[in-house]
Amino acid sequence: MKILMVCLGNICRSPMAHGFMEGLIAKYQLDWTVDSAGTNGFHDGEHPDPRAILEMKKHGLDISKQVSRKIQAQDLESFDLILTMDRQNLNYVKKLGGDRDISEKAHLLLKYANVQNAEEVPDPYYDNRFQESGKLIQIACEQIVQKYL
């Protein structure tokens, strides 16, 4: 299984999702790969936001070496599952697919988290809600692993 985590800038939410999934892949010794990307490309080449790095360290995960990149059309072919943090990014991914129907592989990440009143992962970039966003992402990643084990 090849999974791509997608958010807007690829410096907060998707790197955290990438890190949580990477940790679960190692824990369960899965033959899976995970990557992350952003839809805007504004932070291409940058490492994750220091606040995201700090939040992930609390979980024993190091995401500091990840590098932001913009999602590309070929990613839609390369990955089995493309998980976005919110509807705006899901819509972008679907438009990037053009005429191709990618509805079987592109979903909101929180589709997999049984959390009431939460369909989108809040963007903590402006409001500093890294712990809240991280918790939602962690729950979803754990559920994905259980679903596809």
C-alpha atoms as a PDB file:
ATOM      1  CA  MET A   1       0.000   0.000   0.000  1.00  0.00           C
ATOM      2  CA  LYS A   2       1.276   3.437  -0.962  1.00  0.00           C
ATOM      3  CA  ILE A   3      -0.335   6.336   0.898  1.00  0.00           C
ATOM      4  CA  LEU A   4      -0.059  10.066   0.202  1.00  0.00           C
ATOM      5  CA  MET A   5      -1.088  12.565   2.892  1.00  0.00           C
ATOM      6  CA  VAL A   6      -2.126  15.972   1.534  1.00  0.00           C
ATOM      7  CA  CYS A   7      -2.745  19.391   3.087  1.00  0.00           C
ATOM      8  CA  LEU A   8      -2.353  22.966   1.905  1.00  0.00           C
ATOM      9  CA  GLY A   9       1.304  23.825   2.529  1.00  0.00           C
ATOM     10  CA  ASN A  10       2.767  20.436   3.485  1.00  0.00           C
ATOM     11  CA  ILE A  11       4.390  21.846   6.629  1.00  0.00           C
ATOM     12  CA  CYS A  12       1.857  21.070   9.391  1.00  0.00           C
ATOM     13  CA  ARG A  13      -0.946  18.539   8.999  1.00  0.00           C
ATOM     14  CA  SER A  14       0.283  16.275   6.207  1.00  0.00           C
ATOM     15  CA  PRO A  15       3.804  15.949   7.662  1.00  0.00           C
ATOM     16  CA  MET A  16       2.208  14.986  10.984  1.00  0.00           C
ATOM     17  CA  ALA A  17       0.030  12.402   9.216  1.00  0.00           C
ATOM     18  CA  HIS A  18       3.103  11.184   7.320  1.00  0.00           C
ATOM     19  CA  GLY A  19       4.949  10.807  10.636  1.00  0.00           C
ATOM     20  CA  PHE A  20       2.135   8.988  12.446  1.00  0.00           C
ATOM     21  CA  MET A  21       1.669   6.588   9.535  1.00  0.00           C
ATOM     22  CA  GLU A  22       5.409   5.997   9.238  1.00  0.00           C
ATOM     23  CA  GLY A  23       5.496   5.110  12.932  1.00  0.00           C
ATOM     24  CA  LEU A  24       2.617   2.643  12.530  1.00  0.00           C
ATOM     25  CA  ILE A  25       4.196   1.087   9.449  1.00  0.00           C
ATOM     26  CA  ALA A  26       7.339   0.447  11.494  1.00  0.00           C
ATOM     27  CA  LYS A  27       5.394  -0.761  14.549  1.00  0.00           C
ATOM     28  CA  TYR A  28       3.397  -3.313  12.563  1.00  0.00           C
ATOM     29  CA  GLN A  29       6.238  -4.089  10.126  1.00  0.00           C
ATOM     30  CA  LEU A  30       4.018  -3.342   7.150  1.00  0.00           C
ATOM     31  CA  ASP A  31       5.188  -3.391   3.557  1.00  0.00           C
ATOM     32  CA  TRP A  32       3.669   0.053   3.021  1.00  0.00           C
ATOM     33  CA  THR A  33       5.099   3.428   2.078  1.00  0.00           C
ATOM     34  CA  VAL A  34       3.864   6.894   2.956  1.00  0.00           C
ATOM     35  CA  ASP A  35       4.660  10.348   1.660  1.00  0.00           C
ATOM     36  CA  SER A  36       3.117  13.797   1.972  1.00  0.00           C
ATOM     37  CA  ALA A  37       2.516  16.773  -0.287  1.00  0.00           C
ATOM     38  CA  GLY A  38       0.793  20.143  -0.363  1.00  0.00           C
ATOM     39  CA  THR A  39      -1.607  21.682  -2.811  1.00  0.00           C
ATOM     40  CA  ASN A  40      -0.118  25.173  -2.948  1.00  0.00           C
ATOM     41  CA  GLY A  41       3.650  24.665  -3.247  1.00  0.00           C
ATOM     42  CA  PHE A  42       4.376  27.824  -1.221  1.00  0.00           C
ATOM     43  CA  HIS A  43       6.702  25.931   1.111  1.00  0.00           C
ATOM     44  CA  ASP A  44       8.430  23.649  -1.415  1.00  0.00           C
ATOM     45  CA  GLY A  45      11.816  22.559  -0.102  1.00  0.00           C
ATOM     46  CA  GLU A  46      11.073  23.569   3.502  1.00  0.00           C
ATOM     47  CA  HIS A  47      11.043  21.310   6.540  1.00  0.00           C
ATOM     48  CA  PRO A  48       7.877  21.003   8.659  1.00  0.00           C
ATOM     49  CA  ASP A  49       6.765  23.849  10.895  1.00  0.00           C
ATOM     50  CA  PRO A  50       8.755  23.761  14.180  1.00  0.00           C
ATOM     51  CA  ARG A  51       5.473  23.498  16.113  1.00  0.00           C
ATOM     52  CA  ALA A  52       4.523  20.349  14.160  1.00  0.00           C
ATOM     53  CA  ILE A  53       7.976  18.900  14.798  1.00  0.00           C
ATOM     54  CA  LEU A  54       7.591  19.614  18.528  1.00  0.00           C
ATOM     55  CA  GLU A  55       4.117  18.028  18.675  1.00  0.00           C
ATOM     56  CA  MET A  56       5.364  14.878  16.968  1.00  0.00           C
ATOM     57  CA  LYS A  57       8.344  14.638  19.331  1.00  0.00           C
ATOM     58  CA  LYS A  58       5.792  14.298  22.143  1.00  0.00           C
ATOM     59  CA  HIS A  59       4.736  11.066  20.405  1.00  0.00           C
ATOM     60  CA  GLY A  60       8.325   9.893  19.973  1.00  0.00           C
ATOM     61  CA  LEU A  61       8.321  10.633  16.237  1.00  0.00           C
ATOM     62  CA  ASP A  62      10.849  12.737  14.324  1.00  0.00           C
ATOM     63  CA  ILE A  63       9.466  14.484  11.233  1.00  0.00           C
ATOM     64  CA  SER A  64      12.212  17.128  11.065  1.00  0.00           C
ATOM     65  CA  LYS A  65      13.848  15.662   7.963  1.00  0.00           C
ATOM     66  CA  GLN A  66      10.712  15.698   5.813  1.00  0.00           C
ATOM     67  CA  VAL A  67      10.770  18.185   2.945  1.00  0.00           C
ATOM     68  CA  SER A  68       7.684  19.943   1.610  1.00  0.00           C
ATOM     69  CA  ARG A  69       6.643  19.416  -1.993  1.00  0.00           C
ATOM     70  CA  LYS A  70       3.637  20.160  -4.157  1.00  0.00           C
ATOM     71  CA  ILE A  71       1.402  17.301  -5.260  1.00  0.00           C
ATOM     72  CA  GLN A  72       1.846  16.328  -8.911  1.00  0.00           C
ATOM     73  CA  ALA A  73      -0.547  14.668 -11.375  1.00  0.00           C
ATOM     74  CA  GLN A  74       1.671  11.549 -11.451  1.00  0.00           C
ATOM     75  CA  ASP A  75       1.077  11.132  -7.704  1.00  0.00           C
ATOM     76  CA  LEU A  76      -2.511  10.216  -8.539  1.00  0.00           C
ATOM     77  CA  GLU A  77      -1.192   7.181 -10.422  1.00  0.00           C
ATOM     78  CA  SER A  78       1.618   6.286  -8.002  1.00  0.00           C
ATOM     79  CA  PHE A  79      -0.382   6.126  -4.775  1.00  0.00           C
ATOM     80  CA  ASP A  80      -3.105   3.674  -3.752  1.00  0.00           C
ATOM     81  CA  LEU A  81      -4.646   6.004  -1.191  1.00  0.00           C
ATOM     82  CA  ILE A  82      -4.594   9.814  -1.228  1.00  0.00           C
ATOM     83  CA  LEU A  83      -5.817  11.278   2.052  1.00  0.00           C
ATOM     84  CA  THR A  84      -6.515  14.978   2.398  1.00  0.00           C
ATOM     85  CA  MET A  85      -6.902  16.983   5.568  1.00  0.00           C
ATOM     86  CA  ASP A  86      -9.892  19.026   4.386  1.00  0.00           C
ATOM     87  CA  ARG A  87     -12.432  19.440   1.576  1.00  0.00           C
ATOM     88  CA  GLN A  88     -10.544  22.263  -0.116  1.00  0.00           C
ATOM     89  CA  ASN A  89      -7.556  19.989  -0.607  1.00  0.00           C
ATOM     90  CA  LEU A  90      -9.738  17.044  -1.626  1.00  0.00           C
ATOM     91  CA  ASN A  91     -11.364  19.202  -4.303  1.00  0.00           C
ATOM     92  CA  TYR A  92      -7.919  20.273  -5.545  1.00  0.00           C
ATOM     93  CA  VAL A  93      -6.789  16.648  -5.792  1.00  0.00           C
ATOM     94  CA  LYS A  94      -9.946  15.698  -7.706  1.00  0.00           C
ATOM     95  CA  LYS A  95      -9.435  18.602 -10.146  1.00  0.00           C
ATOM     96  CA  LEU A  96      -5.815  17.556 -10.596  1.00  0.00           C
ATOM     97  CA  GLY A  97      -7.155  14.184 -11.733  1.00  0.00           C
ATOM     98  CA  GLY A  98      -8.954  15.835 -14.640  1.00  0.00           C
ATOM     99  CA  ASP A  99     -11.246  13.340 -16.347  1.00  0.00           C
ATOM    100  CA  ARG A 100      -9.937  10.419 -14.299  1.00  0.00           C
ATOM    101  CA  ASP A 101     -12.227   9.126 -11.578  1.00  0.00           C
ATOM    102  CA  ILE A 102     -10.059   8.965  -8.473  1.00  0.00           C
ATOM    103  CA  SER A 103     -12.943   8.711  -6.005  1.00  0.00           C
ATOM    104  CA  GLU A 104     -11.875   5.187  -5.004  1.00  0.00           C
ATOM    105  CA  LYS A 105      -8.494   6.395  -3.784  1.00  0.00           C
ATOM    106  CA  ALA A 106      -8.907  10.059  -2.763  1.00  0.00           C
ATOM    107  CA  HIS A 107     -10.693  10.724   0.544  1.00  0.00           C
ATOM    108  CA  LEU A 108     -10.765  12.969   3.565  1.00  0.00           C
ATOM    109  CA  LEU A 109      -8.402  11.501   6.163  1.00  0.00           C
ATOM    110  CA  LEU A 110     -11.031  11.753   8.892  1.00  0.00           C
ATOM    111  CA  LYS A 111     -13.327   9.452   6.907  1.00  0.00           C
ATOM    112  CA  TYR A 112     -11.372   6.769   8.767  1.00  0.00           C
ATOM    113  CA  ALA A 113     -11.669   8.309  12.234  1.00  0.00           C
ATOM    114  CA  ASN A 114     -14.866   7.661  14.123  1.00  0.00           C
ATOM    115  CA  VAL A 115     -14.854  11.068  15.779  1.00  0.00           C
ATOM    116  CA  GLN A 116     -18.139  12.911  16.216  1.00  0.00           C
ATOM    117  CA  ASN A 117     -18.424  16.348  14.619  1.00  0.00           C
ATOM    118  CA  ALA A 118     -15.037  16.108  12.894  1.00  0.00           C
ATOM    119  CA  GLU A 119     -14.829  15.740   9.133  1.00  0.00           C
ATOM    120  CA  GLU A 120     -11.780  17.898   8.533  1.00  0.00           C
ATOM    121  CA  VAL A 121      -8.475  18.246  10.365  1.00  0.00           C
ATOM    122  CA  PRO A 122      -8.239  21.875  11.562  1.00  0.00           C
ATOM    123  CA  ASP A 123      -5.261  23.745  10.151  1.00  0.00           C
ATOM    124  CA  PRO A 124      -3.122  24.629  13.195  1.00  0.00           C
ATOM    125  CA  TYR A 125      -0.836  26.997  11.287  1.00  0.00           C
ATOM    126  CA  TYR A 126      -2.716  30.125  12.401  1.00  0.00           C
ATOM    127  CA  ASP A 127      -4.382  29.048  15.646  1.00  0.00           C
ATOM    128  CA  ASN A 128      -1.688  26.782  17.123  1.00  0.00           C
ATOM    129  CA  ARG A 129      -4.057  23.805  17.646  1.00  0.00           C
ATOM    130  CA  PHE A 130      -1.314  21.264  16.914  1.00  0.00           C
ATOM    131  CA  GLN A 131      -2.287  18.942  19.757  1.00  0.00           C
ATOM    132  CA  GLU A 132      -5.941  18.813  18.649  1.00  0.00           C
ATOM    133  CA  SER A 133      -5.056  18.303  14.977  1.00  0.00           C
ATOM    134  CA  GLY A 134      -2.437  15.715  15.896  1.00  0.00           C
ATOM    135  CA  LYS A 135      -4.905  13.700  17.961  1.00  0.00           C
ATOM    136  CA  LEU A 136      -7.414  13.543  15.101  1.00  0.00           C
ATOM    137  CA  ILE A 137      -4.690  12.561  12.637  1.00  0.00           C
ATOM    138  CA  GLN A 138      -3.368   9.882  14.996  1.00  0.00           C
ATOM    139  CA  ILE A 139      -6.822   8.323  15.440  1.00  0.00           C
ATOM    140  CA  ALA A 140      -7.402   8.251  11.680  1.00  0.00           C
ATOM    141  CA  CYS A 141      -3.995   6.702  10.951  1.00  0.00           C
ATOM    142  CA  GLU A 142      -4.563   3.974  13.528  1.00  0.00           C
ATOM    143  CA  GLN A 143      -7.975   3.215  12.016  1.00  0.00           C
ATOM    144  CA  ILE A 144      -6.502   3.021   8.505  1.00  0.00           C
ATOM    145  CA  VAL A 145      -3.933   0.484   9.647  1.00  0.00           C
ATOM    146  CA  GLN A 146      -6.635  -1.615  11.342  1.00  0.00           C
ATOM    147  CA  LYS A 147      -8.839  -1.455   8.241  1.00  0.00           C
ATOM    148  CA  TYR A 148      -6.146  -2.573   5.797  1.00  0.00           C
ATOM    149  CA  LEU A 149      -4.151  -5.009   7.980  1.00  0.00           C
END
